């Protein structure tokens, strides 16, 4: 059964079928900012156990106007480190990783995690 969003702060998450979506409001140029932010959310709010097997992870950064100067590879590493141990056991289980930047209506990062 699909759940509504959990969390009320900058980070929210929900399960939709076989996918977990995590949404982070706001952007910063410091990728290291996201690891403790998302990690603390997962530690306090997330109740599901990590799984084994291969996963596909899509990370989408939406910006308004000029994109922030942030290395997408550093952003991906910080976010994967934050969700490791909560959605999957090790980031070596990520068999497909897509990280992209788009202009959007609001500044946010969306992470979609699916079993392959």
C-alpha atoms as a PDB file:
ATOM      1  CA  UNK A   1       0.000   0.000   0.000  1.00  0.00           C
ATOM      2  CA  UNK A   2       1.333   3.448  -0.864  1.00  0.00           C
ATOM      3  CA  UNK A   3       2.030   5.747   2.038  1.00  0.00           C
ATOM      4  CA  UNK A   4       1.747   9.477   2.350  1.00  0.00           C
ATOM      5  CA  UNK A   5       4.936  11.438   2.928  1.00  0.00           C
ATOM      6  CA  UNK A   6       6.612  10.981   6.296  1.00  0.00           C
ATOM      7  CA  UNK A   7       8.598  13.800   7.832  1.00  0.00           C
ATOM      8  CA  UNK A   8       7.703  17.452   8.252  1.00  0.00           C
ATOM      9  CA  UNK A   9      11.061  19.228   7.885  1.00  0.00           C
ATOM     10  CA  UNK A  10      13.423  19.705   4.945  1.00  0.00           C
ATOM     11  CA  UNK A  11      13.455  15.939   4.251  1.00  0.00           C
ATOM     12  CA  UNK A  12      10.412  13.794   3.510  1.00  0.00           C
ATOM     13  CA  UNK A  13      10.049  10.247   2.203  1.00  0.00           C
ATOM     14  CA  UNK A  14       7.422   7.795   1.047  1.00  0.00           C
ATOM     15  CA  UNK A  15       7.105   4.292  -0.334  1.00  0.00           C
ATOM     16  CA  UNK A  16       5.288   3.952  -3.647  1.00  0.00           C
ATOM     17  CA  UNK A  17       4.982   0.321  -4.626  1.00  0.00           C
ATOM     18  CA  UNK A  18       8.529  -0.994  -5.080  1.00  0.00           C
ATOM     19  CA  UNK A  19      10.064   2.497  -5.014  1.00  0.00           C
ATOM     20  CA  UNK A  20      11.174   4.759  -2.181  1.00  0.00           C
ATOM     21  CA  UNK A  21      11.163   8.488  -2.870  1.00  0.00           C
ATOM     22  CA  UNK A  22      13.060  10.977  -0.726  1.00  0.00           C
ATOM     23  CA  UNK A  23      12.587  14.715  -1.228  1.00  0.00           C
ATOM     24  CA  UNK A  24      14.911  17.376   0.160  1.00  0.00           C
ATOM     25  CA  UNK A  25      13.759  21.004   0.064  1.00  0.00           C
ATOM     26  CA  UNK A  26      16.299  23.710  -0.747  1.00  0.00           C
ATOM     27  CA  UNK A  27      19.757  23.653  -2.316  1.00  0.00           C
ATOM     28  CA  UNK A  28      23.250  24.502  -1.136  1.00  0.00           C
ATOM     29  CA  UNK A  29      26.630  24.414  -2.886  1.00  0.00           C
ATOM     30  CA  UNK A  30      28.061  22.141  -0.178  1.00  0.00           C
ATOM     31  CA  UNK A  31      27.421  18.464  -0.954  1.00  0.00           C
ATOM     32  CA  UNK A  32      28.600  17.502   2.546  1.00  0.00           C
ATOM     33  CA  UNK A  33      25.571  19.346   3.999  1.00  0.00           C
ATOM     34  CA  UNK A  34      23.208  16.645   2.722  1.00  0.00           C
ATOM     35  CA  UNK A  35      24.777  13.561   4.318  1.00  0.00           C
ATOM     36  CA  UNK A  36      23.988  14.388   7.989  1.00  0.00           C
ATOM     37  CA  UNK A  37      20.646  15.965   7.033  1.00  0.00           C
ATOM     38  CA  UNK A  38      19.355  12.863   5.234  1.00  0.00           C
ATOM     39  CA  UNK A  39      21.098  10.426   7.603  1.00  0.00           C
ATOM     40  CA  UNK A  40      19.371  11.961  10.655  1.00  0.00           C
ATOM     41  CA  UNK A  41      16.017  11.815   8.891  1.00  0.00           C
ATOM     42  CA  UNK A  42      16.515   8.148   8.035  1.00  0.00           C
ATOM     43  CA  UNK A  43      17.698   7.331  11.565  1.00  0.00           C
ATOM     44  CA  UNK A  44      14.748   9.051  13.258  1.00  0.00           C
ATOM     45  CA  UNK A  45      11.870   8.626  10.786  1.00  0.00           C
ATOM     46  CA  UNK A  46      12.488   5.556   8.605  1.00  0.00           C
ATOM     47  CA  UNK A  47      11.202   2.217   9.869  1.00  0.00           C
ATOM     48  CA  UNK A  48      11.817  -0.217   6.991  1.00  0.00           C
ATOM     49  CA  UNK A  49      14.820  -2.529   7.027  1.00  0.00           C
ATOM     50  CA  UNK A  50      17.546  -2.494   4.346  1.00  0.00           C
ATOM     51  CA  UNK A  51      17.437  -5.094   1.582  1.00  0.00           C
ATOM     52  CA  UNK A  52      19.969  -7.132  -0.369  1.00  0.00           C
ATOM     53  CA  UNK A  53      20.101  -7.272  -4.155  1.00  0.00           C
ATOM     54  CA  UNK A  54      20.702  -4.712  -6.862  1.00  0.00           C
ATOM     55  CA  UNK A  55      19.178  -1.242  -6.851  1.00  0.00           C
ATOM     56  CA  UNK A  56      18.635   1.596  -9.306  1.00  0.00           C
ATOM     57  CA  UNK A  57      18.973   5.099  -7.863  1.00  0.00           C
ATOM     58  CA  UNK A  58      17.864   8.293  -9.631  1.00  0.00           C
ATOM     59  CA  UNK A  59      18.917  11.617  -8.123  1.00  0.00           C
ATOM     60  CA  UNK A  60      17.375  14.763  -9.573  1.00  0.00           C
ATOM     61  CA  UNK A  61      18.470  18.214  -8.490  1.00  0.00           C
ATOM     62  CA  UNK A  62      15.999  20.945  -9.442  1.00  0.00           C
ATOM     63  CA  UNK A  63      17.123  24.570  -9.385  1.00  0.00           C
ATOM     64  CA  UNK A  64      15.542  27.953 -10.106  1.00  0.00           C
ATOM     65  CA  UNK A  65      17.617  30.252 -12.283  1.00  0.00           C
ATOM     66  CA  UNK A  66      21.350  29.558 -12.482  1.00  0.00           C
ATOM     67  CA  UNK A  67      22.309  26.108 -11.132  1.00  0.00           C
ATOM     68  CA  UNK A  68      24.386  26.083  -7.945  1.00  0.00           C
ATOM     69  CA  UNK A  69      28.050  25.204  -8.349  1.00  0.00           C
ATOM     70  CA  UNK A  70      27.967  21.712  -6.898  1.00  0.00           C
ATOM     71  CA  UNK A  71      29.674  18.610  -8.255  1.00  0.00           C
ATOM     72  CA  UNK A  72      26.966  16.070  -8.949  1.00  0.00           C
ATOM     73  CA  UNK A  73      29.327  13.168  -8.192  1.00  0.00           C
ATOM     74  CA  UNK A  74      29.960  14.563  -4.693  1.00  0.00           C
ATOM     75  CA  UNK A  75      26.241  15.075  -4.183  1.00  0.00           C
ATOM     76  CA  UNK A  76      25.539  11.476  -5.217  1.00  0.00           C
ATOM     77  CA  UNK A  77      28.195  10.108  -2.856  1.00  0.00           C
ATOM     78  CA  UNK A  78      26.859  12.117   0.107  1.00  0.00           C
ATOM     79  CA  UNK A  79      23.282  10.982  -0.532  1.00  0.00           C
ATOM     80  CA  UNK A  80      24.212   7.315  -1.079  1.00  0.00           C
ATOM     81  CA  UNK A  81      26.230   7.354   2.154  1.00  0.00           C
ATOM     82  CA  UNK A  82      23.224   8.813   3.996  1.00  0.00           C
ATOM     83  CA  UNK A  83      20.728   6.154   2.856  1.00  0.00           C
ATOM     84  CA  UNK A  84      23.147   3.214   3.101  1.00  0.00           C
ATOM     85  CA  UNK A  85      22.054   0.953   5.934  1.00  0.00           C
ATOM     86  CA  UNK A  86      18.436   2.075   5.625  1.00  0.00           C
ATOM     87  CA  UNK A  87      17.366   1.188   2.070  1.00  0.00           C
ATOM     88  CA  UNK A  88      20.239  -1.128   1.116  1.00  0.00           C
ATOM     89  CA  UNK A  89      23.173  -2.547   3.057  1.00  0.00           C
ATOM     90  CA  UNK A  90      26.037  -1.207   0.945  1.00  0.00           C
ATOM     91  CA  UNK A  91      26.290   1.281  -1.912  1.00  0.00           C
ATOM     92  CA  UNK A  92      28.010  -1.449  -3.936  1.00  0.00           C
ATOM     93  CA  UNK A  93      24.439  -2.748  -4.416  1.00  0.00           C
ATOM     94  CA  UNK A  94      23.684   0.257  -6.642  1.00  0.00           C
ATOM     95  CA  UNK A  95      23.750  -1.282 -10.123  1.00  0.00           C
ATOM     96  CA  UNK A  96      22.410   1.821 -11.868  1.00  0.00           C
ATOM     97  CA  UNK A  97      22.919   5.435 -10.835  1.00  0.00           C
ATOM     98  CA  UNK A  98      21.519   8.466 -12.650  1.00  0.00           C
ATOM     99  CA  UNK A  99      22.306  11.953 -11.340  1.00  0.00           C
ATOM    100  CA  UNK A 100      20.942  14.951 -13.195  1.00  0.00           C
ATOM    101  CA  UNK A 101      20.345  18.676 -12.835  1.00  0.00           C
ATOM    102  CA  UNK A 102      17.240  20.408 -14.201  1.00  0.00           C
ATOM    103  CA  UNK A 103      15.637  23.808 -13.996  1.00  0.00           C
ATOM    104  CA  UNK A 104      12.434  23.493 -12.018  1.00  0.00           C
ATOM    105  CA  UNK A 105       9.742  25.404 -10.180  1.00  0.00           C
ATOM    106  CA  UNK A 106      11.438  25.079  -6.796  1.00  0.00           C
ATOM    107  CA  UNK A 107      14.854  24.187  -5.412  1.00  0.00           C
ATOM    108  CA  UNK A 108      14.920  20.586  -4.258  1.00  0.00           C
ATOM    109  CA  UNK A 109      16.535  17.203  -4.630  1.00  0.00           C
ATOM    110  CA  UNK A 110      14.523  14.063  -5.276  1.00  0.00           C
ATOM    111  CA  UNK A 111      15.952  10.570  -4.812  1.00  0.00           C
ATOM    112  CA  UNK A 112      14.127   7.537  -6.224  1.00  0.00           C
ATOM    113  CA  UNK A 113      15.366   4.098  -5.156  1.00  0.00           C
ATOM    114  CA  UNK A 114      14.087   0.908  -6.793  1.00  0.00           C
ATOM    115  CA  UNK A 115      15.015  -2.752  -6.576  1.00  0.00           C
ATOM    116  CA  UNK A 116      16.235  -4.094  -9.923  1.00  0.00           C
END
